[in-house]
Amino acid sequence: MTPAHRSRRRHRDEEGPPDPARWLDRLDAWLERKLPPPRGAGATLAVFLLRLVIGRGSWLVGALLVAMSAPFFVFPYRQIESMTLALWFRATATATAEARVERAGVRLVPVPEEGGLRGEPYVILAFEPPAGGTVRVAYFFHGEGLEPFHQPYLDAGLFHSYREPSKGWRVRWVDGATGEPAIEVRARGEDLAQLAIVSTWNDQSYLDNAISDLDRPLDWQLAEWRRRPDDDLRLRVRYPPGNPHRLFVGDVLSRLPPTGGRGFTELFFSLLLALPFGVPFWWVGTRLLGAPLPRHLRHFLVWGPLALLPFWGTRYLEVVERLSPGASFNALARKIGSTQVLPGSIPVESLEGPRQQLDLESSRFAPLLARVDLARPGRPLSPDDAWRELVERFTAATAALPDAELERVLVHESGGFDFHSRDPVAPVLVETARRAALDPARPEELRGLARRFLIQRLEDDWPPLCSVGYAAKRATLDGLEGFPDAELAAAAAARFAEEREWIEARKRDWGEVCP
């Protein structure tokens, strides 16, 4: 009699993918055969460690694999949540109003991972709903209480190169009541202790340094002189009729989520990340964790936590962040989710922390600004024209000053040699310093000071290549490579040669300098 035919189908108990827990049992038995007792101390330790990793203690490895793979399942969930919320707000935010922009502000957010601060820009909006009364909210363009990666650094781009929150509308860094350039600065209550810490590079607190970084009166002026007095001080908003504090600016609802379109591209790529980086490790990890359980209970262990992911997935990331600050700072999970794409508005009364207003009178450059006519031009100016106008006004107000006053302007009033004051005001005095350095009637000491002032402007950190600030600074320093002083001319020639090489490299690599 021929042997009974054996089916190619595996036994019912062995259906499905190979069970990692069963393979670990075999490895454990293999250890017993290869290293039977009695064993030496070294062999005993080796067997213990191997069993801890691949034997009965393998639940540790399982827990580690589950912990590593869980964030990748959070990606698609948070994107689906984002798309669902966007659809909900599109359907419910049916009431419209014309809101007044009272002022703009920046809320400071510590970024321990980067050792500094970023800012969350917002505007104070006010309008009267049909039900009566006045609604005043602080509107955060990227959402209230966000991870800080979305927010601009505390530099000039925050004021004159900020993205449009609504088509054709730009933030006005101006006090709506007076029409004068001004911003307010706030910080959340829980961040005040960290902002009070003294920085390692100077003897000032993080808060003091942030105020200095935001004290950029010329950038406020550049932003204002490009607009008419009444431009962008009113903004169309949408909100649910029963909740006027939950409002959306302009056409933002048509661009959610998260930056345009309907979010399917982000969902597709988040699923691509979840499949190779989440599923295999999750499956192996849960099988190792459930090795002692019957087979039917393992299914609950595998699929139950996944089904409950909406309730614990986001919290999981917060726990990881608390255990290891910065561990998930650059993870994509912090970039895909509803809080990152849905703008946030809160009642003005909910803004925490002390309010500090920065304007031309409270600026640390106020003594210099008081010397110059900063009245608004009769018409809106282009960025280049606005910069030239500023340079001409500052040059006219300072070039003919007596020696002692000119020295005070170059050294103290403009922050010309103060590391923490680089670039906010000093660049508009380049022409004043150039004239002083070439004026034989000036004392040699003042002429040398003017030359050092010009060299310092060349050595300062330059704004990004394609920004308004870069074009302004480049126009200010043009011609210094032909300056009669050899040291200054050499410094300018070297700086401009470095710049040209960098631009050429960018052309070779990217095909264009600025998109």
Protein backbone atom coordinates (compact mmCIF):
# COMPACT_ATOMS: atom_id res chain seq x y z
CA MET A 1 0.00 0.00 0.00
CA THR A 2 1.35 3.30 -0.94
CA PRO A 3 1.82 5.87 1.80
CA ALA A 4 -1.13 8.11 2.29
CA HIS A 5 -0.92 11.26 0.25
CA ARG A 6 0.12 14.20 2.40
CA SER A 7 -1.67 17.44 1.64
CA ARG A 8 0.41 20.47 0.75
CA ARG A 9 -1.92 22.49 2.97
CA ARG A 10 -0.51 23.05 6.43
CA HIS A 11 -2.24 21.79 9.52
CA ARG A 12 -5.06 24.03 10.75
CA ASP A 13 -3.05 25.02 13.82
CA GLU A 14 -0.24 26.16 11.54
CA GLU A 15 -2.32 28.27 9.17
CA GLY A 16 -1.18 31.82 8.64
CA PRO A 17 2.31 33.28 8.64
CA PRO A 18 5.07 31.57 10.66
CA ASP A 19 4.68 32.28 14.36
CA PRO A 20 7.79 34.02 15.77
CA ALA A 21 6.97 32.75 19.25
CA ARG A 22 7.19 29.14 18.01
CA TRP A 23 10.57 29.79 16.42
CA LEU A 24 11.78 31.21 19.72
CA ASP A 25 10.73 28.00 21.48
CA ARG A 26 12.87 26.09 19.00
CA LEU A 27 15.81 28.39 19.62
CA ASP A 28 15.37 27.89 23.36
CA ALA A 29 15.47 24.11 22.87
CA TRP A 30 18.54 24.50 20.67
CA LEU A 31 20.31 26.34 23.48
CA GLU A 32 19.56 23.47 25.85
CA ARG A 33 21.08 20.99 23.42
CA LYS A 34 24.17 23.04 22.63
CA LEU A 35 24.86 24.26 26.18
CA PRO A 36 23.46 21.61 28.53
CA PRO A 37 24.05 21.98 32.26
CA PRO A 38 26.30 22.04 34.12
CA ARG A 39 27.65 25.23 32.59
CA GLY A 40 30.42 27.61 33.47
CA ALA A 41 29.72 31.14 34.65
CA GLY A 42 30.30 32.60 31.17
CA ALA A 43 28.03 30.07 29.46
CA THR A 44 25.34 30.54 32.11
CA LEU A 45 25.41 34.31 31.58
CA ALA A 46 25.29 33.87 27.80
CA VAL A 47 22.29 31.53 28.01
CA PHE A 48 20.52 33.95 30.37
CA LEU A 49 21.04 36.90 28.03
CA LEU A 50 19.98 34.94 24.97
CA ARG A 51 16.82 33.73 26.69
CA LEU A 52 16.13 37.27 27.81
CA VAL A 53 16.26 38.42 24.20
CA ILE A 54 14.94 35.45 22.20
CA GLY A 55 13.59 33.08 24.82
CA ARG A 56 10.83 33.36 27.38
CA GLY A 57 11.88 36.93 28.08
CA SER A 58 11.26 37.87 24.45
CA TRP A 59 8.26 39.95 25.50
CA LEU A 60 10.85 42.71 26.06
CA VAL A 61 11.75 42.57 22.38
CA GLY A 62 8.07 42.46 21.49
CA ALA A 63 7.32 45.56 23.56
CA LEU A 64 10.23 47.37 21.90
CA LEU A 65 9.02 46.46 18.40
CA VAL A 66 5.47 47.59 19.21
CA ALA A 67 6.78 50.85 20.63
CA MET A 68 8.87 51.45 17.50
CA SER A 69 6.08 50.69 15.07
CA ALA A 70 3.15 52.43 16.80
CA PRO A 71 3.99 55.96 15.57
CA PHE A 72 3.77 54.83 11.95
CA PHE A 73 0.16 53.79 12.49
CA VAL A 74 -0.51 57.22 13.98
CA PHE A 75 0.40 58.83 10.63
CA PRO A 76 -2.62 57.67 8.59
CA TYR A 77 -4.99 57.93 11.54
CA ARG A 78 -4.13 61.57 12.19
CA GLN A 79 -4.36 62.38 8.50
CA ILE A 80 -7.81 60.79 8.25
CA GLU A 81 -8.83 62.69 11.37
CA SER A 82 -7.55 65.88 9.78
CA MET A 83 -9.52 65.32 6.59
CA THR A 84 -12.67 64.47 8.55
CA LEU A 85 -12.42 67.60 10.68
CA ALA A 86 -11.80 69.72 7.61
CA LEU A 87 -14.97 68.35 5.99
CA TRP A 88 -16.89 68.98 9.21
CA PHE A 89 -15.79 72.61 9.44
CA ARG A 90 -16.53 73.18 5.77
CA ALA A 91 -20.05 71.93 6.37
CA THR A 92 -20.69 73.81 9.63
CA ALA A 93 -18.84 77.13 9.25
CA THR A 94 -21.60 78.75 7.24
CA ALA A 95 -21.81 82.21 8.84
CA THR A 96 -19.59 85.01 7.53
CA ALA A 97 -18.49 88.37 8.87
CA GLU A 98 -16.06 91.20 8.22
CA ALA A 99 -13.55 91.24 11.08
CA ARG A 100 -11.37 94.17 12.14
CA VAL A 101 -7.65 93.52 12.62
CA GLU A 102 -6.79 95.29 15.86
CA ARG A 103 -3.13 94.32 16.07
CA ALA A 104 -0.68 91.52 15.36
CA GLY A 105 1.45 89.65 17.83
CA VAL A 106 3.90 86.83 18.37
CA ARG A 107 3.66 84.20 21.09
CA LEU A 108 7.06 82.87 22.13
CA VAL A 109 7.53 79.10 22.21
CA PRO A 110 10.67 77.53 23.71
CA VAL A 111 12.33 74.90 21.55
CA PRO A 112 14.65 73.00 23.91
CA GLU A 113 15.76 70.67 21.12
CA GLU A 114 17.23 73.63 19.24
CA GLY A 115 18.30 75.62 22.27
CA GLY A 116 16.24 78.65 21.37
CA LEU A 117 12.82 80.09 20.58
CA ARG A 118 10.40 80.35 17.74
CA GLY A 119 7.30 82.45 17.37
CA GLU A 120 3.63 81.70 16.76
CA PRO A 121 2.25 84.71 14.84
CA TYR A 122 -1.34 85.70 15.47
CA VAL A 123 -3.72 88.60 14.93
CA ILE A 124 -6.42 89.98 17.20
CA LEU A 125 -9.72 89.98 15.28
CA ALA A 126 -13.00 91.59 16.34
CA PHE A 127 -16.47 91.47 14.76
CA GLU A 128 -20.14 91.73 15.71
CA PRO A 129 -22.21 88.56 15.11
CA PRO A 130 -25.96 88.89 14.36
CA ALA A 131 -26.77 87.73 17.90
CA GLY A 132 -25.23 90.93 19.22
CA GLY A 133 -22.16 91.84 21.22
CA THR A 134 -18.54 91.84 20.08
CA VAL A 135 -16.43 88.76 19.54
CA ARG A 136 -12.67 89.24 19.97
CA VAL A 137 -10.33 86.34 19.26
CA ALA A 138 -6.65 85.66 18.80
CA TYR A 139 -6.28 83.85 15.48
CA PHE A 140 -3.22 81.60 15.02
CA PHE A 141 -2.59 80.95 11.35
CA HIS A 142 -1.17 77.46 11.87
CA GLY A 143 -3.30 76.48 14.85
CA GLU A 144 -3.32 77.24 18.54
CA GLY A 145 -0.80 75.33 20.65
CA LEU A 146 1.16 73.79 17.77
CA GLU A 147 4.45 72.05 17.62
CA PRO A 148 6.84 74.85 16.68
CA PHE A 149 8.28 73.45 13.47
CA HIS A 150 5.66 75.31 11.41
CA GLN A 151 6.47 78.70 12.86
CA PRO A 152 8.96 81.21 11.49
CA TYR A 153 12.16 81.90 13.37
CA LEU A 154 12.51 85.20 15.19
CA ASP A 155 14.08 86.98 12.23
CA ALA A 156 13.16 89.61 9.66
CA GLY A 157 11.23 87.10 7.54
CA LEU A 158 8.61 87.01 10.27
CA PHE A 159 7.64 90.59 9.38
CA HIS A 160 8.03 91.17 5.65
CA SER A 161 8.26 87.67 4.11
CA TYR A 162 5.51 85.88 5.99
CA ARG A 163 3.23 83.61 3.97
CA GLU A 164 -0.25 84.80 3.08
CA PRO A 165 -2.84 83.32 5.47
CA SER A 166 -5.50 84.17 2.90
CA LYS A 167 -5.19 84.92 -0.78
CA GLY A 168 -4.08 88.50 -1.33
CA TRP A 169 -3.98 89.29 2.41
CA ARG A 170 -0.82 89.80 4.45
CA VAL A 171 -0.23 90.32 8.14
CA ARG A 172 -0.09 93.97 9.21
CA TRP A 173 2.48 94.54 11.96
CA VAL A 174 0.69 97.69 13.01
CA ASP A 175 -1.46 98.96 15.84
CA GLY A 176 -4.92 99.24 14.28
CA ALA A 177 -5.86 102.12 16.59
CA THR A 178 -2.89 104.38 15.79
CA GLY A 179 -1.76 103.09 12.39
CA GLU A 180 1.83 103.02 13.65
CA PRO A 181 4.14 99.98 13.36
CA ALA A 182 3.85 97.87 16.51
CA ILE A 183 3.58 94.28 17.66
CA GLU A 184 2.75 92.60 20.93
CA VAL A 185 4.73 89.76 22.46
CA ARG A 186 3.30 87.09 24.73
CA ALA A 187 4.30 83.76 26.23
CA ARG A 188 2.27 80.92 27.69
CA GLY A 189 2.20 80.67 31.46
CA GLU A 190 3.90 77.28 31.52
CA ASP A 191 6.77 78.63 29.41
CA LEU A 192 7.62 81.66 31.57
CA ALA A 193 10.00 79.72 33.82
CA GLN A 194 11.97 78.45 30.84
CA LEU A 195 12.03 81.88 29.23
CA ALA A 196 13.54 83.30 32.43
CA ILE A 197 16.60 81.02 32.16
CA VAL A 198 19.81 82.94 31.44
CA SER A 199 21.26 81.99 28.06
CA THR A 200 24.73 80.50 27.70
CA TRP A 201 26.01 83.00 25.11
CA ASN A 202 25.28 86.21 27.06
CA ASP A 203 23.98 87.30 30.42
CA GLN A 204 20.41 87.87 29.25
CA SER A 205 17.40 85.62 29.66
CA TYR A 206 15.79 83.85 26.73
CA LEU A 207 12.90 86.29 26.98
CA ASP A 208 15.21 89.34 26.82
CA ASN A 209 17.00 87.86 23.83
CA ALA A 210 13.69 87.19 22.11
CA ILE A 211 12.53 90.77 22.65
CA SER A 212 15.80 91.96 21.12
CA ASP A 213 15.35 89.63 18.15
CA LEU A 214 11.84 90.96 17.53
CA ASP A 215 12.87 94.60 17.98
CA ARG A 216 13.34 95.27 14.26
CA PRO A 217 11.78 98.69 13.58
CA LEU A 218 13.09 98.92 10.02
CA ASP A 219 11.45 95.64 9.10
CA TRP A 220 8.18 96.93 10.52
CA GLN A 221 8.60 100.04 8.38
CA LEU A 222 9.46 98.04 5.26
CA ALA A 223 6.32 95.97 5.76
CA GLU A 224 4.15 99.06 6.31
CA TRP A 225 5.48 101.25 3.51
CA ARG A 226 4.50 98.58 0.99
CA ARG A 227 0.81 99.04 1.85
CA ARG A 228 -1.80 101.76 1.99
CA PRO A 229 -2.94 102.88 5.44
CA ASP A 230 -6.19 100.94 5.26
CA ASP A 231 -4.93 97.82 3.45
CA ASP A 232 -5.41 94.48 5.18
CA LEU A 233 -6.99 95.90 8.33
CA ARG A 234 -10.23 94.05 7.63
CA LEU A 235 -10.54 90.36 6.97
CA ARG A 236 -13.40 88.13 5.84
CA VAL A 237 -14.02 85.27 8.29
CA ARG A 238 -16.26 82.20 8.47
CA TYR A 239 -17.54 80.50 11.62
CA PRO A 240 -20.22 78.07 12.85
CA PRO A 241 -23.30 80.13 13.77
CA GLY A 242 -23.42 78.66 17.26
CA ASN A 243 -19.71 79.17 17.99
CA PRO A 244 -18.37 82.51 16.69
CA HIS A 245 -15.07 82.04 18.55
CA ARG A 246 -14.25 79.06 16.30
CA LEU A 247 -13.55 81.08 13.16
CA PHE A 248 -11.55 80.67 9.99
CA VAL A 249 -9.91 83.41 7.99
CA GLY A 250 -10.90 84.12 4.42
CA ASP A 251 -10.64 81.17 2.06
CA VAL A 252 -8.63 78.90 4.35
CA LEU A 253 -11.39 76.27 4.51
CA SER A 254 -11.05 75.68 0.78
CA ARG A 255 -7.38 74.79 1.31
CA LEU A 256 -7.68 72.24 4.12
CA PRO A 257 -6.04 69.91 4.77
CA PRO A 258 -3.20 70.54 5.14
CA THR A 259 -1.69 73.08 2.71
CA GLY A 260 -3.83 72.65 -0.38
CA GLY A 261 -5.97 70.09 -2.13
CA ARG A 262 -7.98 67.58 -0.12
CA GLY A 263 -5.25 65.74 1.79
CA PHE A 264 -5.24 62.49 -0.21
CA THR A 265 -1.59 62.90 -1.19
CA GLU A 266 -0.58 63.17 2.46
CA LEU A 267 -2.75 60.16 3.31
CA PHE A 268 -1.17 58.11 0.52
CA PHE A 269 2.39 58.80 1.64
CA SER A 270 1.54 58.24 5.30
CA LEU A 271 0.13 54.81 4.36
CA LEU A 272 3.32 54.07 2.44
CA LEU A 273 5.27 54.76 5.61
CA ALA A 274 2.94 52.67 7.76
CA LEU A 275 3.06 49.53 5.59
CA PRO A 276 6.83 48.81 5.56
CA PHE A 277 7.76 50.41 8.88
CA GLY A 278 4.69 49.65 10.96
CA VAL A 279 2.98 46.40 9.94
CA PRO A 280 5.94 43.95 10.06
CA PHE A 281 7.31 45.17 13.38
CA TRP A 282 3.83 45.47 14.91
CA TRP A 283 2.90 41.93 13.88
CA VAL A 284 6.13 40.37 15.19
CA GLY A 285 6.04 42.45 18.39
CA THR A 286 2.47 41.57 19.29
CA ARG A 287 3.10 37.87 18.55
CA LEU A 288 6.05 37.93 20.93
CA LEU A 289 4.02 39.72 23.58
CA GLY A 290 1.19 37.20 23.17
CA ALA A 291 3.36 34.07 23.03
CA PRO A 292 1.83 32.54 26.21
CA LEU A 293 -1.74 33.19 25.03
CA PRO A 294 -3.99 30.86 23.03
CA ARG A 295 -4.08 31.55 19.33
CA HIS A 296 -7.57 33.11 19.27
CA LEU A 297 -6.61 35.54 22.03
CA ARG A 298 -3.56 36.68 20.10
CA HIS A 299 -5.86 38.17 17.47
CA PHE A 300 -7.34 40.45 20.12
CA LEU A 301 -3.84 41.43 21.17
CA VAL A 302 -2.89 42.27 17.59
CA TRP A 303 -6.02 44.03 16.37
CA GLY A 304 -7.50 45.41 19.60
CA PRO A 305 -4.83 48.11 20.20
CA LEU A 306 -4.94 49.05 16.52
CA ALA A 307 -8.71 49.51 16.68
CA LEU A 308 -8.28 51.70 19.78
CA LEU A 309 -5.44 53.70 18.23
CA PRO A 310 -7.54 56.90 17.92
CA PHE A 311 -7.78 56.95 21.72
CA TRP A 312 -4.13 56.32 22.61
CA GLY A 313 -2.04 57.01 19.49
CA THR A 314 -1.59 60.75 19.95
CA ARG A 315 -1.08 60.33 23.69
CA TYR A 316 1.59 57.77 22.92
CA LEU A 317 3.65 60.39 21.11
CA GLU A 318 3.25 62.79 24.03
CA VAL A 319 4.52 60.12 26.44
CA VAL A 320 7.54 59.47 24.24
CA GLU A 321 8.25 63.19 24.14
CA ARG A 322 8.08 63.44 27.94
CA LEU A 323 10.34 60.44 28.47
CA SER A 324 12.88 61.67 25.92
CA PRO A 325 12.46 65.36 25.02
CA GLY A 326 13.24 65.88 21.37
CA ALA A 327 12.93 62.19 20.44
CA SER A 328 9.93 62.79 18.20
CA PHE A 329 10.59 66.45 17.39
CA ASN A 330 11.53 65.78 13.78
CA ALA A 331 9.26 62.75 13.32
CA LEU A 332 6.72 62.99 10.56
CA ALA A 333 4.02 62.27 13.10
CA ARG A 334 4.44 65.84 14.33
CA LYS A 335 3.87 67.11 10.80
CA ILE A 336 0.77 65.12 9.87
CA GLY A 337 -2.30 65.75 11.95
CA SER A 338 -5.31 67.91 12.56
CA THR A 339 -3.68 70.35 14.96
CA GLN A 340 -0.99 71.14 12.42
CA VAL A 341 -3.35 71.99 9.57
CA LEU A 342 -6.46 73.49 11.13
CA PRO A 343 -6.03 77.12 12.14
CA GLY A 344 -6.91 77.88 15.72
CA SER A 345 -8.68 80.78 17.36
CA ILE A 346 -9.17 81.40 21.05
CA PRO A 347 -10.91 84.21 22.95
CA VAL A 348 -8.58 87.10 23.64
CA GLU A 349 -9.16 86.57 27.36
CA SER A 350 -7.54 83.12 27.01
CA LEU A 351 -4.19 84.55 25.90
CA GLU A 352 -1.82 83.81 28.72
CA GLY A 353 1.24 85.57 30.04
CA PRO A 354 2.14 89.24 30.34
CA ARG A 355 1.68 91.40 27.26
CA GLN A 356 4.60 93.49 26.04
CA GLN A 357 4.20 95.91 23.14
CA LEU A 358 7.08 96.75 20.84
CA ASP A 359 6.78 99.98 18.89
CA LEU A 360 8.99 102.80 17.67
CA GLU A 361 8.95 104.59 21.02
CA SER A 362 9.75 101.52 23.13
CA SER A 363 12.41 100.21 20.73
CA ARG A 364 15.98 100.12 21.99
CA PHE A 365 16.81 102.05 18.81
CA ALA A 366 14.41 104.87 19.76
CA PRO A 367 17.18 107.54 20.14
CA LEU A 368 18.31 106.94 16.55
CA LEU A 369 14.77 106.64 15.19
CA ALA A 370 13.89 109.98 16.77
CA ARG A 371 16.50 111.66 14.54
CA VAL A 372 14.84 110.45 11.31
CA ASP A 373 11.62 111.39 9.56
CA LEU A 374 9.70 108.09 9.42
CA ALA A 375 6.40 109.47 8.14
CA ARG A 376 4.63 107.15 5.74
CA PRO A 377 5.34 107.91 2.04
CA GLY A 378 2.50 109.29 -0.05
CA ARG A 379 2.12 106.02 -2.01
CA PRO A 380 2.88 102.33 -1.46
CA LEU A 381 6.47 101.46 -2.37
CA SER A 382 8.05 98.33 -3.79
CA PRO A 383 10.51 96.53 -1.49
CA ASP A 384 13.53 98.03 -3.29
CA ASP A 385 12.05 101.54 -3.31
CA ALA A 386 11.09 101.27 0.36
CA TRP A 387 14.66 100.29 1.28
CA ARG A 388 16.19 103.11 -0.77
CA GLU A 389 13.80 105.56 0.87
CA LEU A 390 14.90 104.41 4.32
CA VAL A 391 18.59 104.67 3.43
CA GLU A 392 18.14 108.18 2.03
CA ARG A 393 16.27 109.38 5.12
CA PHE A 394 18.78 107.92 7.58
CA THR A 395 21.72 109.24 5.57
CA ALA A 396 20.21 112.73 5.42
CA ALA A 397 19.61 112.70 9.20
CA THR A 398 23.03 111.36 10.27
CA ALA A 399 25.74 112.06 7.68
CA ALA A 400 26.30 115.67 8.79
CA LEU A 401 26.27 115.04 12.55
CA PRO A 402 29.17 116.33 14.67
CA ASP A 403 31.94 113.84 15.35
CA ALA A 404 30.85 112.90 18.89
CA GLU A 405 27.21 112.41 17.91
CA LEU A 406 28.11 110.40 14.80
CA GLU A 407 30.31 108.11 16.89
CA ARG A 408 27.46 107.58 19.33
CA VAL A 409 25.11 106.76 16.43
CA LEU A 410 27.47 104.21 14.85
CA VAL A 411 28.49 102.50 18.08
CA HIS A 412 25.51 102.73 20.44
CA GLU A 413 22.30 103.96 18.86
CA SER A 414 22.42 101.55 15.89
CA GLY A 415 23.87 98.58 17.76
CA GLY A 416 26.61 98.56 15.15
CA PHE A 417 29.09 96.45 17.15
CA ASP A 418 26.69 94.58 19.40
CA PHE A 419 26.44 90.89 18.49
CA HIS A 420 22.84 90.71 19.68
CA SER A 421 21.84 93.78 17.64
CA ARG A 422 23.24 92.80 14.27
CA ASP A 423 21.36 93.94 11.20
CA PRO A 424 18.12 95.43 12.55
CA VAL A 425 19.15 99.07 11.99
CA ALA A 426 22.87 99.28 11.24
CA PRO A 427 22.66 98.49 7.48
CA VAL A 428 20.85 101.75 6.68
CA LEU A 429 23.88 103.64 8.05
CA VAL A 430 26.33 102.12 5.55
CA GLU A 431 26.28 105.22 3.37
CA THR A 432 26.72 107.46 6.42
CA ALA A 433 29.73 105.37 7.54
CA ARG A 434 31.19 105.34 4.02
CA ARG A 435 31.05 109.13 3.81
CA ALA A 436 32.62 109.46 7.26
CA ALA A 437 35.45 107.06 6.37
CA LEU A 438 36.27 109.11 3.25
CA ASP A 439 35.92 112.55 4.85
CA PRO A 440 39.39 114.05 5.51
CA ALA A 441 37.81 116.60 7.85
CA ARG A 442 36.84 113.84 10.28
CA PRO A 443 39.31 112.71 12.98
CA GLU A 444 41.31 109.61 12.07
CA GLU A 445 39.87 107.77 15.05
CA LEU A 446 36.32 108.33 13.76
CA ARG A 447 37.33 107.41 10.21
CA GLY A 448 38.81 104.13 11.51
CA LEU A 449 35.64 103.49 13.47
CA ALA A 450 33.58 104.00 10.31
CA ARG A 451 35.80 101.52 8.40
CA ARG A 452 35.37 98.90 11.14
CA PHE A 453 31.62 99.54 11.04
CA LEU A 454 31.59 98.73 7.31
CA ILE A 455 33.69 95.59 7.77
CA GLN A 456 31.28 94.45 10.47
CA ARG A 457 28.36 94.80 8.05
CA LEU A 458 30.17 92.54 5.60
CA GLU A 459 30.80 89.92 8.27
CA ASP A 460 27.28 89.89 9.72
CA ASP A 461 25.04 86.94 8.93
CA TRP A 462 23.24 87.68 5.67
CA PRO A 463 19.51 87.10 5.15
CA PRO A 464 18.38 84.19 2.91
CA LEU A 465 19.33 84.67 -0.73
CA CYS A 466 15.81 85.03 -2.15
CA SER A 467 14.43 87.25 0.61
CA VAL A 468 13.63 90.94 0.51
CA GLY A 469 16.23 91.51 3.22
CA TYR A 470 19.01 89.99 1.12
CA ALA A 471 18.34 92.23 -1.86
CA ALA A 472 18.29 95.27 0.41
CA LYS A 473 21.57 94.40 2.11
CA ARG A 474 23.28 93.55 -1.18
CA ALA A 475 22.25 96.88 -2.67
CA THR A 476 23.54 98.69 0.42
CA LEU A 477 27.00 97.10 0.28
CA ASP A 478 27.54 97.25 -3.48
CA GLY A 479 30.67 99.17 -4.40
CA LEU A 480 32.65 98.54 -1.23
CA GLU A 481 35.10 96.28 -3.11
CA GLY A 482 36.40 99.48 -4.74
CA PHE A 483 36.81 101.35 -1.45
CA PRO A 484 40.16 103.22 -1.13
CA ASP A 485 41.02 101.45 2.15
CA ALA A 486 42.86 98.20 1.30
CA GLU A 487 41.59 96.19 4.26
CA LEU A 488 37.98 97.10 3.65
CA ALA A 489 38.24 96.56 -0.11
CA ALA A 490 39.82 93.13 0.41
CA ALA A 491 37.12 92.12 2.88
CA ALA A 492 34.37 93.22 0.48
CA ALA A 493 36.00 91.48 -2.52
CA ALA A 494 36.40 88.23 -0.56
CA ARG A 495 32.81 88.37 0.71
CA PHE A 496 31.34 89.06 -2.74
CA ALA A 497 33.52 86.34 -4.36
CA GLU A 498 32.25 83.83 -1.80
CA GLU A 499 28.71 84.94 -2.56
CA ARG A 500 29.20 84.53 -6.33
CA GLU A 501 30.64 81.04 -5.91
CA TRP A 502 27.71 80.03 -3.77
CA ILE A 503 25.20 81.38 -6.30
CA GLU A 504 26.94 79.54 -9.14
CA ALA A 505 26.90 76.32 -7.15
CA ARG A 506 23.19 76.80 -6.54
CA LYS A 507 22.62 77.29 -10.27
CA ARG A 508 24.53 74.10 -11.08
CA ASP A 509 22.70 72.04 -8.46
CA TRP A 510 19.18 73.45 -8.78
CA GLY A 511 19.15 75.06 -12.21
CA GLU A 512 17.96 78.38 -10.80
CA VAL A 513 18.82 80.72 -7.96
CA CYS A 514 15.35 81.65 -6.76
CA PRO A 515 12.18 79.73 -7.68
